[in-house]
Amino acid sequence: GLYHGFNSSVWFMVVNNAVGGLCVAFVIKYADNILKGFACALATAVAAIMAVPLFGFELNFSFFVGMLVVVGSTLLYGGAVSLNGEWWNKEPEFCKGVRTGSAGGYKKLPEEA
């Protein structure tokens, strides 16, 4: 039949993927897509680090640079770390103009009624 050859390992993977899909839907519904991207990047970094003792995986310098960028951007986005100076903590004038509809030549989209 359709499920011939499905043993306990296969069923575990099916349930694991189903739960993972529900977790992604939960994150996107209650957080946002950017946060999901950060979570996936952090999960990849943690999985790679765990693969070193478990599978003998070898990490190189570029992995650590990438991991540093991911962790730093996650902390900045989450507000756990803030950078000194006013330039980092204010909205650029052009972005403000686009958002409000007053940026040179750019018009705000009409709102749906």
Foldseek 3Di string as FASTA:
>chain_A
DVCPPDDPVNVVVVVVVVVVVVVLVVCCVVPNPVVVVLVVVVVVLVVQVVCCVVPVDDDDPVSVVVVVVSVVVVCVVVVVDDDDDPVRVDDDPQVVCLVVQNHVPHGHDDDDD
